[in-house]
Amino acid sequence: MPQPRRNTRRLLSALLVLAAIGGGAYWWQQQNAAQPPEKFKTQAVERGNIAQTISANGTLNPVVVVNVGTQVSGTVKKLHVDFNSIVKPGQVLVELDPALFEAQYKQDQANLASAKANLALARAKERRARELVQKNYISADALDQAVQQFDAALAQVALVEAQLERDRTNLHYTVIRSPISGVVVARSVDIGQTVAASFQTPTLFQIAGDLKDMQIETSIAEADIGSVQIGQTVRFNVDAFQERPFSGKVKQIRLNPTVQQNVVTYNVVVAVNNADGILLPGMTGHVMIGVGKRDNVLRAPNAALHFKPKKNDGDEPAKKGEKRSGATVYRLEQGQPKPLKVKTGLSDGVFTEILDGELKEGDLLITRELGQKKKEGNFALRLF
């Protein structure tokens, strides 16, 4: 084949390739020009459910907790229960060494016998003195002394009987019994330990009542306490069973506030049914109190309620102290934001109920403004 003819074919092939590349570049630029970059991020108004909750943390505790102490001092002689022991009312928990109290009790018995003997002698003297005074063998003054000795002996007997009863009670206190039915959750003594009940009663055991009924004590801020009512349903979970939800009800709102660093909180008690016994005292409960619920309502994303477009250079600045009434959202119309006033209701932190306004289901609300994309450089085909 001649050389000039071959060169002509190569040139035609190169021109066809360049034409195809140029056409593709032109089509790509037209497509980009037809689809301008988005300026706003939007989300549609929809219908759905809204459940408003208040979150807090609290500690699980038994409803009834009794600290069992001792009214007398002594050395622990016997322990009859330990941690987690199930006890009944009147069951013996611990025994103190009764030696000193028994000795004192025996001494009081002897003192009582002596006092009664003195009383019998004084009674006989008083009776004899009355007989003698009638016969004028003794004076009236001697009779008065006999009566006084009889009364003193009678009072002494009453005094010793009181001492005997006191020491009998102290001897009884050396055996410490359970005041309620429950479970021992804490034990503070061991055999051989000396407990002293001089100024303050020492705590030997801590007994919790029926652990099937427990409660969570949590703190609610003053801004939210107005929405909390007795009987409201409470959902909570604990770290030990993170996948399992638990429920309870608001039992009590305590009127005594707590103030820490100018923050006011109120104690709210939540009643919990622990029939299966898996919840233990001291667990941390992550509480969510349901204070309001709306079903199938018009709702808007909270991000749309917080969105404010950037001001243009020609916009008038807001006057100082000027307040806006209601909430304002921006609906996307023909690529531009249009402000709309709306009346809002409950909020669950993600969506807010729309009570009144021009919004309808499916409207696109602007949630944020996207940054300007960098301009693409003009496509240039370089042949060589």
Protein backbone atom coordinates (compact mmCIF):
# COMPACT_ATOMS: atom_id res chain seq x y z
CA MET A 1 0.00 0.00 0.00
CA PRO A 2 1.40 3.48 -0.82
CA GLN A 3 2.70 5.50 2.07
CA PRO A 4 0.55 8.69 1.48
CA ARG A 5 -2.67 6.61 1.55
CA ARG A 6 -1.70 5.01 4.85
CA ASN A 7 -0.96 8.42 6.45
CA THR A 8 -4.36 9.71 5.31
CA ARG A 9 -6.18 6.85 7.11
CA ARG A 10 -4.24 7.50 10.32
CA LEU A 11 -5.10 11.17 10.19
CA LEU A 12 -8.82 10.41 9.71
CA SER A 13 -8.78 7.99 12.67
CA ALA A 14 -7.15 10.59 14.92
CA LEU A 15 -9.70 13.21 13.89
CA LEU A 16 -12.59 10.84 14.69
CA VAL A 17 -11.16 10.13 18.16
CA LEU A 18 -10.73 13.86 18.83
CA ALA A 19 -14.26 14.57 17.70
CA ALA A 20 -15.66 11.90 20.03
CA ILE A 21 -13.69 13.27 22.97
CA GLY A 22 -14.81 16.82 22.24
CA GLY A 23 -18.46 15.75 21.99
CA GLY A 24 -18.26 13.92 25.29
CA ALA A 25 -16.70 16.93 27.02
CA TYR A 26 -19.40 19.22 25.63
CA TRP A 27 -22.17 16.87 26.87
CA TRP A 28 -20.59 16.67 30.35
CA GLN A 29 -20.44 20.47 30.63
CA GLN A 30 -24.07 20.79 29.54
CA GLN A 31 -25.19 18.27 32.13
CA ASN A 32 -23.34 20.08 34.92
CA ALA A 33 -24.78 23.38 33.79
CA ALA A 34 -28.32 21.92 33.78
CA GLN A 35 -27.99 20.58 37.34
CA PRO A 36 -26.75 23.36 39.64
CA PRO A 37 -25.36 22.26 43.03
CA GLU A 38 -27.81 21.99 45.93
CA LYS A 39 -27.76 24.87 48.40
CA PHE A 40 -29.88 23.42 51.22
CA LYS A 41 -30.35 20.19 53.07
CA THR A 42 -34.07 19.43 53.45
CA GLN A 43 -36.36 17.01 55.25
CA ALA A 44 -40.04 16.40 54.63
CA VAL A 45 -42.85 17.14 57.07
CA GLU A 46 -44.54 13.87 58.02
CA ARG A 47 -47.12 12.33 60.28
CA GLY A 48 -46.14 10.11 63.18
CA ASN A 49 -46.12 9.59 66.92
CA ILE A 50 -44.34 11.79 69.47
CA ALA A 51 -43.56 10.73 73.03
CA GLN A 52 -42.04 13.40 75.26
CA THR A 53 -39.88 12.04 78.07
CA ILE A 54 -37.72 13.33 80.91
CA SER A 55 -34.45 11.48 81.44
CA ALA A 56 -32.67 11.05 84.76
CA ASN A 57 -30.57 8.58 86.72
CA GLY A 58 -31.40 7.08 90.09
CA THR A 59 -30.56 4.28 92.50
CA LEU A 60 -32.66 1.21 93.15
CA ASN A 61 -33.45 0.74 96.83
CA PRO A 62 -35.81 -1.48 98.82
CA VAL A 63 -38.99 0.24 99.93
CA VAL A 64 -38.33 -0.66 103.58
CA VAL A 65 -34.81 -0.74 105.03
CA VAL A 66 -34.31 -1.18 108.80
CA ASN A 67 -31.02 -0.60 110.58
CA VAL A 68 -30.80 -3.07 113.46
CA GLY A 69 -28.65 -1.91 116.37
CA THR A 70 -28.11 -2.69 120.03
CA GLN A 71 -29.17 -0.82 123.14
CA VAL A 72 -26.54 -2.43 125.36
CA SER A 73 -22.78 -2.83 125.08
CA GLY A 74 -21.05 -6.16 125.02
CA THR A 75 -19.04 -8.72 123.12
CA VAL A 76 -20.59 -10.64 120.24
CA LYS A 77 -20.97 -14.25 121.36
CA LYS A 78 -22.99 -15.87 118.57
CA LEU A 79 -24.01 -14.92 115.04
CA HIS A 80 -27.14 -16.58 113.72
CA VAL A 81 -27.45 -14.88 110.29
CA ASP A 82 -25.17 -13.68 107.52
CA PHE A 83 -25.43 -11.70 104.29
CA ASN A 84 -28.52 -12.55 102.18
CA SER A 85 -30.12 -14.52 105.03
CA ILE A 86 -33.92 -14.57 104.95
CA VAL A 87 -35.29 -13.58 108.36
CA LYS A 88 -38.69 -13.40 110.00
CA PRO A 89 -39.98 -11.11 112.77
CA GLY A 90 -38.57 -12.15 116.15
CA GLN A 91 -35.84 -14.35 114.69
CA VAL A 92 -32.55 -14.22 116.63
CA LEU A 93 -29.83 -12.38 114.72
CA VAL A 94 -26.97 -12.16 117.22
CA GLU A 95 -26.27 -12.82 120.89
CA LEU A 96 -24.04 -10.69 123.10
CA ASP A 97 -22.15 -12.11 126.06
CA PRO A 98 -24.72 -11.89 128.93
CA ALA A 99 -22.33 -12.62 131.85
CA LEU A 100 -22.23 -9.08 133.27
CA PHE A 101 -25.97 -8.58 132.85
CA GLU A 102 -26.75 -11.91 134.51
CA ALA A 103 -24.53 -11.00 137.46
CA GLN A 104 -26.24 -7.62 137.83
CA TYR A 105 -29.63 -9.29 137.61
CA LYS A 106 -28.71 -11.75 140.39
CA GLN A 107 -27.45 -8.87 142.53
CA ASP A 108 -30.74 -7.06 142.10
CA GLN A 109 -32.60 -10.20 143.14
CA ALA A 110 -30.54 -10.33 146.33
CA ASN A 111 -31.13 -6.64 146.99
CA LEU A 112 -34.85 -7.20 146.52
CA ALA A 113 -34.86 -10.05 149.04
CA SER A 114 -33.02 -7.83 151.55
CA ALA A 115 -35.42 -4.94 150.95
CA LYS A 116 -38.43 -7.20 151.50
CA ALA A 117 -36.91 -8.46 154.77
CA ASN A 118 -36.46 -4.86 155.96
CA LEU A 119 -40.01 -4.14 154.90
CA ALA A 120 -41.33 -7.04 156.97
CA LEU A 121 -39.39 -5.82 160.04
CA ALA A 122 -40.62 -2.26 159.56
CA ARG A 123 -44.20 -3.46 159.19
CA ALA A 124 -43.95 -5.44 162.47
CA LYS A 125 -42.46 -2.44 164.30
CA GLU A 126 -45.15 -0.14 162.97
CA ARG A 127 -47.93 -2.54 164.08
CA ARG A 128 -46.38 -2.95 167.55
CA ALA A 129 -45.98 0.81 167.93
CA ARG A 130 -49.68 1.34 167.23
CA GLU A 131 -50.60 -1.16 169.95
CA LEU A 132 -48.24 0.46 172.45
CA VAL A 133 -49.40 3.99 171.77
CA GLN A 134 -52.99 2.95 172.48
CA LYS A 135 -51.85 1.74 175.92
CA ASN A 136 -49.85 4.94 176.44
CA TYR A 137 -46.61 2.98 176.72
CA ILE A 138 -44.90 5.07 174.04
CA SER A 139 -45.33 8.56 172.80
CA ALA A 140 -46.96 9.60 169.51
CA ASP A 141 -43.53 10.69 168.28
CA ALA A 142 -42.25 7.12 168.58
CA LEU A 143 -45.22 5.94 166.50
CA ASP A 144 -44.44 8.50 163.82
CA GLN A 145 -40.86 7.22 163.56
CA ALA A 146 -42.10 3.62 163.21
CA VAL A 147 -44.51 4.67 160.43
CA GLN A 148 -41.70 6.57 158.67
CA GLN A 149 -39.40 3.54 158.77
CA PHE A 150 -42.20 1.36 157.37
CA ASP A 151 -42.82 3.79 154.46
CA ALA A 152 -39.07 4.01 153.73
CA ALA A 153 -38.79 0.20 153.62
CA LEU A 154 -41.79 0.06 151.30
CA ALA A 155 -40.19 2.63 148.96
CA GLN A 156 -36.90 0.73 149.02
CA VAL A 157 -38.65 -2.41 147.84
CA ALA A 158 -40.23 -0.49 144.94
CA LEU A 159 -36.80 0.98 144.02
CA VAL A 160 -35.08 -2.39 143.96
CA GLU A 161 -37.93 -3.91 141.94
CA ALA A 162 -37.49 -1.14 139.34
CA GLN A 163 -33.75 -1.81 139.18
CA LEU A 164 -34.46 -5.51 138.80
CA GLU A 165 -36.87 -4.85 135.94
CA ARG A 166 -34.29 -2.60 134.21
CA ASP A 167 -31.56 -5.20 134.45
CA ARG A 168 -33.95 -7.91 133.30
CA THR A 169 -34.67 -5.80 130.19
CA ASN A 170 -30.95 -5.22 129.55
CA LEU A 171 -30.37 -8.95 129.83
CA HIS A 172 -33.15 -9.47 127.29
CA TYR A 173 -31.46 -6.93 124.96
CA THR A 174 -28.35 -9.12 124.75
CA VAL A 175 -30.34 -11.29 122.36
CA ILE A 176 -30.98 -9.15 119.26
CA ARG A 177 -33.94 -10.16 117.09
CA SER A 178 -35.23 -9.14 113.69
CA PRO A 179 -37.98 -6.50 113.83
CA ILE A 180 -39.34 -7.26 110.31
CA SER A 181 -39.51 -9.96 107.69
CA GLY A 182 -36.91 -9.52 104.95
CA VAL A 183 -33.37 -10.23 103.86
CA VAL A 184 -30.08 -9.21 105.47
CA VAL A 185 -28.30 -6.88 103.05
CA ALA A 186 -25.50 -5.71 105.38
CA ARG A 187 -23.67 -7.10 108.41
CA SER A 188 -21.25 -4.96 110.41
CA VAL A 189 -20.15 -7.28 113.25
CA ASP A 190 -18.22 -10.51 113.74
CA ILE A 191 -17.90 -12.99 116.58
CA GLY A 192 -15.70 -11.60 119.35
CA GLN A 193 -16.22 -7.97 118.36
CA THR A 194 -17.12 -5.54 121.12
CA VAL A 195 -19.98 -3.14 120.45
CA ALA A 196 -20.44 -0.02 122.55
CA ALA A 197 -23.84 1.66 122.86
CA SER A 198 -22.83 4.68 124.90
CA PHE A 199 -23.84 7.79 122.93
CA GLN A 200 -25.07 6.39 119.61
CA THR A 201 -26.67 3.06 118.82
CA PRO A 202 -24.29 1.10 116.57
CA THR A 203 -25.76 -0.53 113.46
CA LEU A 204 -25.17 -4.28 113.42
CA PHE A 205 -27.38 -5.35 110.53
CA GLN A 206 -29.31 -3.77 107.71
CA ILE A 207 -32.46 -5.64 106.78
CA ALA A 208 -34.39 -4.89 103.61
CA GLY A 209 -38.07 -5.64 103.39
CA ASP A 210 -39.60 -7.63 100.57
CA LEU A 211 -37.32 -7.13 97.54
CA LYS A 212 -40.25 -7.81 95.22
CA ASP A 213 -41.26 -4.19 95.76
CA MET A 214 -38.46 -1.69 95.16
CA GLN A 215 -38.15 1.96 94.27
CA ILE A 216 -35.87 4.29 92.35
CA GLU A 217 -34.94 7.59 93.94
CA THR A 218 -34.01 10.10 91.26
CA SER A 219 -33.62 13.87 90.94
CA ILE A 220 -35.58 16.00 88.45
CA ALA A 221 -34.63 19.58 87.57
CA GLU A 222 -37.06 22.34 88.49
CA ALA A 223 -37.61 23.13 84.80
CA ASP A 224 -39.11 19.65 84.27
CA ILE A 225 -40.77 18.94 87.61
CA GLY A 226 -43.99 20.67 86.52
CA SER A 227 -44.55 17.95 83.89
CA VAL A 228 -44.15 15.08 86.36
CA GLN A 229 -47.33 13.73 87.91
CA ILE A 230 -47.99 10.88 90.33
CA GLY A 231 -49.01 7.73 88.45
CA GLN A 232 -47.11 8.48 85.24
CA THR A 233 -45.51 5.51 83.50
CA VAL A 234 -41.75 5.25 83.79
CA ARG A 235 -39.41 3.25 81.57
CA PHE A 236 -35.92 2.44 82.76
CA ASN A 237 -33.02 0.07 82.25
CA VAL A 238 -29.99 -0.97 84.26
CA ASP A 239 -26.43 -1.63 83.19
CA ALA A 240 -26.63 -5.29 84.19
CA PHE A 241 -29.51 -5.92 81.75
CA GLN A 242 -29.06 -3.33 79.04
CA GLU A 243 -31.20 -5.13 76.48
CA ARG A 244 -34.15 -5.63 78.82
CA PRO A 245 -36.59 -2.75 79.46
CA PHE A 246 -38.24 -2.31 82.85
CA SER A 247 -41.23 -0.25 83.86
CA GLY A 248 -42.59 1.50 86.94
CA LYS A 249 -44.80 4.37 88.03
CA VAL A 250 -44.18 7.69 89.73
CA LYS A 251 -45.00 7.08 93.39
CA GLN A 252 -44.02 10.29 95.15
CA ILE A 253 -42.75 13.80 94.43
CA ARG A 254 -40.98 15.00 97.53
CA LEU A 255 -41.50 18.66 98.32
CA ASN A 256 -38.09 19.22 99.90
CA PRO A 257 -35.83 20.63 97.15
CA THR A 258 -32.08 20.11 96.87
CA VAL A 259 -29.93 23.10 95.88
CA GLN A 260 -26.41 22.54 94.61
CA GLN A 261 -24.48 25.34 92.92
CA ASN A 262 -27.74 27.27 92.36
CA VAL A 263 -29.32 24.25 90.62
CA VAL A 264 -32.65 23.22 92.16
CA THR A 265 -33.78 19.61 91.90
CA TYR A 266 -36.60 17.59 93.42
CA ASN A 267 -36.55 13.96 94.51
CA VAL A 268 -38.97 11.77 92.60
CA VAL A 269 -39.66 8.22 93.82
CA VAL A 270 -40.55 5.58 91.23
CA ALA A 271 -42.26 2.37 92.37
CA VAL A 272 -40.86 -0.77 90.72
CA ASN A 273 -42.26 -4.30 90.67
CA ASN A 274 -39.38 -6.76 91.07
CA ALA A 275 -41.40 -9.98 91.09
CA ASP A 276 -38.65 -12.03 89.41
CA GLY A 277 -36.02 -10.67 91.82
CA ILE A 278 -33.35 -9.84 89.24
CA LEU A 279 -33.07 -6.18 90.26
CA LEU A 280 -30.66 -5.73 93.16
CA PRO A 281 -30.34 -2.89 95.68
CA GLY A 282 -27.84 -0.24 94.63
CA MET A 283 -28.22 -0.70 90.86
CA THR A 284 -28.27 2.48 88.79
CA GLY A 285 -31.50 2.97 86.89
CA HIS A 286 -31.55 5.10 83.73
CA VAL A 287 -35.05 6.53 83.98
CA MET A 288 -37.29 7.96 81.26
CA ILE A 289 -40.55 9.45 82.52
CA GLY A 290 -43.26 9.73 79.88
CA VAL A 291 -44.85 13.15 80.37
CA GLY A 292 -46.79 13.36 77.09
CA LYS A 293 -47.72 11.38 74.00
CA ARG A 294 -49.36 12.27 70.67
CA ASP A 295 -50.31 9.75 67.98
CA ASN A 296 -50.49 10.40 64.23
CA VAL A 297 -49.73 14.12 64.43
CA LEU A 298 -48.04 16.44 61.97
CA ARG A 299 -44.42 16.70 63.01
CA ALA A 300 -41.37 18.57 61.82
CA PRO A 301 -37.70 17.83 62.45
CA ASN A 302 -36.16 19.85 65.26
CA ALA A 303 -33.26 20.81 62.99
CA ALA A 304 -35.73 22.75 60.83
CA LEU A 305 -36.92 24.74 63.86
CA HIS A 306 -33.35 25.74 64.64
CA PHE A 307 -32.38 26.69 61.08
CA LYS A 308 -31.82 30.35 60.22
CA PRO A 309 -30.58 31.37 56.76
CA LYS A 310 -27.63 33.61 56.36
CA LYS A 311 -28.50 37.30 56.02
CA ASN A 312 -27.99 39.01 52.70
CA ASP A 313 -26.13 42.26 52.52
CA GLY A 314 -29.37 44.09 51.82
CA ASP A 315 -31.24 42.69 54.81
CA GLU A 316 -32.09 45.10 57.59
CA PRO A 317 -30.51 44.22 60.92
CA ALA A 318 -32.89 43.18 63.68
CA LYS A 319 -33.61 45.85 66.24
CA LYS A 320 -32.16 45.41 69.67
CA GLY A 321 -34.60 43.79 72.04
CA GLU A 322 -36.92 42.68 69.20
CA LYS A 323 -38.56 39.31 69.88
CA ARG A 324 -40.13 36.93 67.46
CA SER A 325 -43.47 35.35 68.31
CA GLY A 326 -43.81 31.60 67.78
CA ALA A 327 -41.42 29.37 65.88
CA THR A 328 -40.24 29.96 62.34
CA VAL A 329 -39.40 27.30 59.76
CA TYR A 330 -38.21 27.71 56.20
CA ARG A 331 -39.92 25.81 53.41
CA LEU A 332 -38.02 25.28 50.18
CA GLU A 333 -39.96 26.81 47.27
CA GLN A 334 -38.37 27.05 43.80
CA GLY A 335 -34.94 26.68 45.31
CA GLN A 336 -35.40 29.51 47.82
CA PRO A 337 -36.29 29.46 51.56
CA LYS A 338 -39.72 30.82 52.48
CA PRO A 339 -40.27 31.61 56.20
CA LEU A 340 -43.42 30.28 57.84
CA LYS A 341 -44.74 30.86 61.34
CA VAL A 342 -45.88 27.72 63.14
CA LYS A 343 -47.25 26.82 66.55
CA THR A 344 -45.46 23.92 68.16
CA GLY A 345 -46.44 21.32 70.75
CA LEU A 346 -44.67 18.30 72.23
CA SER A 347 -41.12 17.42 71.28
CA ASP A 348 -39.21 14.16 71.69
CA GLY A 349 -35.81 15.67 70.93
CA VAL A 350 -35.91 14.68 67.24
CA PHE A 351 -39.35 15.80 66.06
CA THR A 352 -41.72 18.52 67.24
CA GLU A 353 -45.50 18.50 66.96
CA ILE A 354 -46.95 21.19 64.66
CA LEU A 355 -50.23 22.49 66.05
CA ASP A 356 -50.99 25.35 63.70
CA GLY A 357 -49.57 26.96 60.57
CA GLU A 358 -49.42 26.62 56.77
CA LEU A 359 -47.39 23.42 56.77
CA LYS A 360 -48.81 20.24 55.33
CA GLU A 361 -47.54 16.71 55.04
CA GLY A 362 -44.78 16.33 52.46
CA ASP A 363 -43.50 19.94 52.60
CA LEU A 364 -39.71 20.16 52.39
CA LEU A 365 -38.23 22.09 55.30
CA ILE A 366 -34.67 23.35 55.28
CA THR A 367 -32.56 21.84 58.05
CA ARG A 368 -29.20 23.33 57.13
CA GLU A 369 -27.41 25.32 54.46
CA LEU A 370 -24.82 23.54 52.38
CA GLY A 371 -21.49 25.18 51.58
CA GLN A 372 -20.82 26.54 48.13
CA LYS A 373 -19.12 24.02 45.87
CA LYS A 374 -15.97 25.03 44.19
CA LYS A 375 -16.41 26.00 40.56
CA GLU A 376 -15.17 23.39 38.16
CA GLY A 377 -12.49 24.57 35.79
CA ASN A 378 -13.31 24.75 32.06
CA PHE A 379 -12.56 21.54 30.28
CA ALA A 380 -9.67 21.99 27.92
CA LEU A 381 -8.55 19.35 25.50
CA ARG A 382 -4.92 19.30 24.93
CA LEU A 383 -3.95 17.72 21.65
CA PHE A 384 -0.30 17.68 22.20
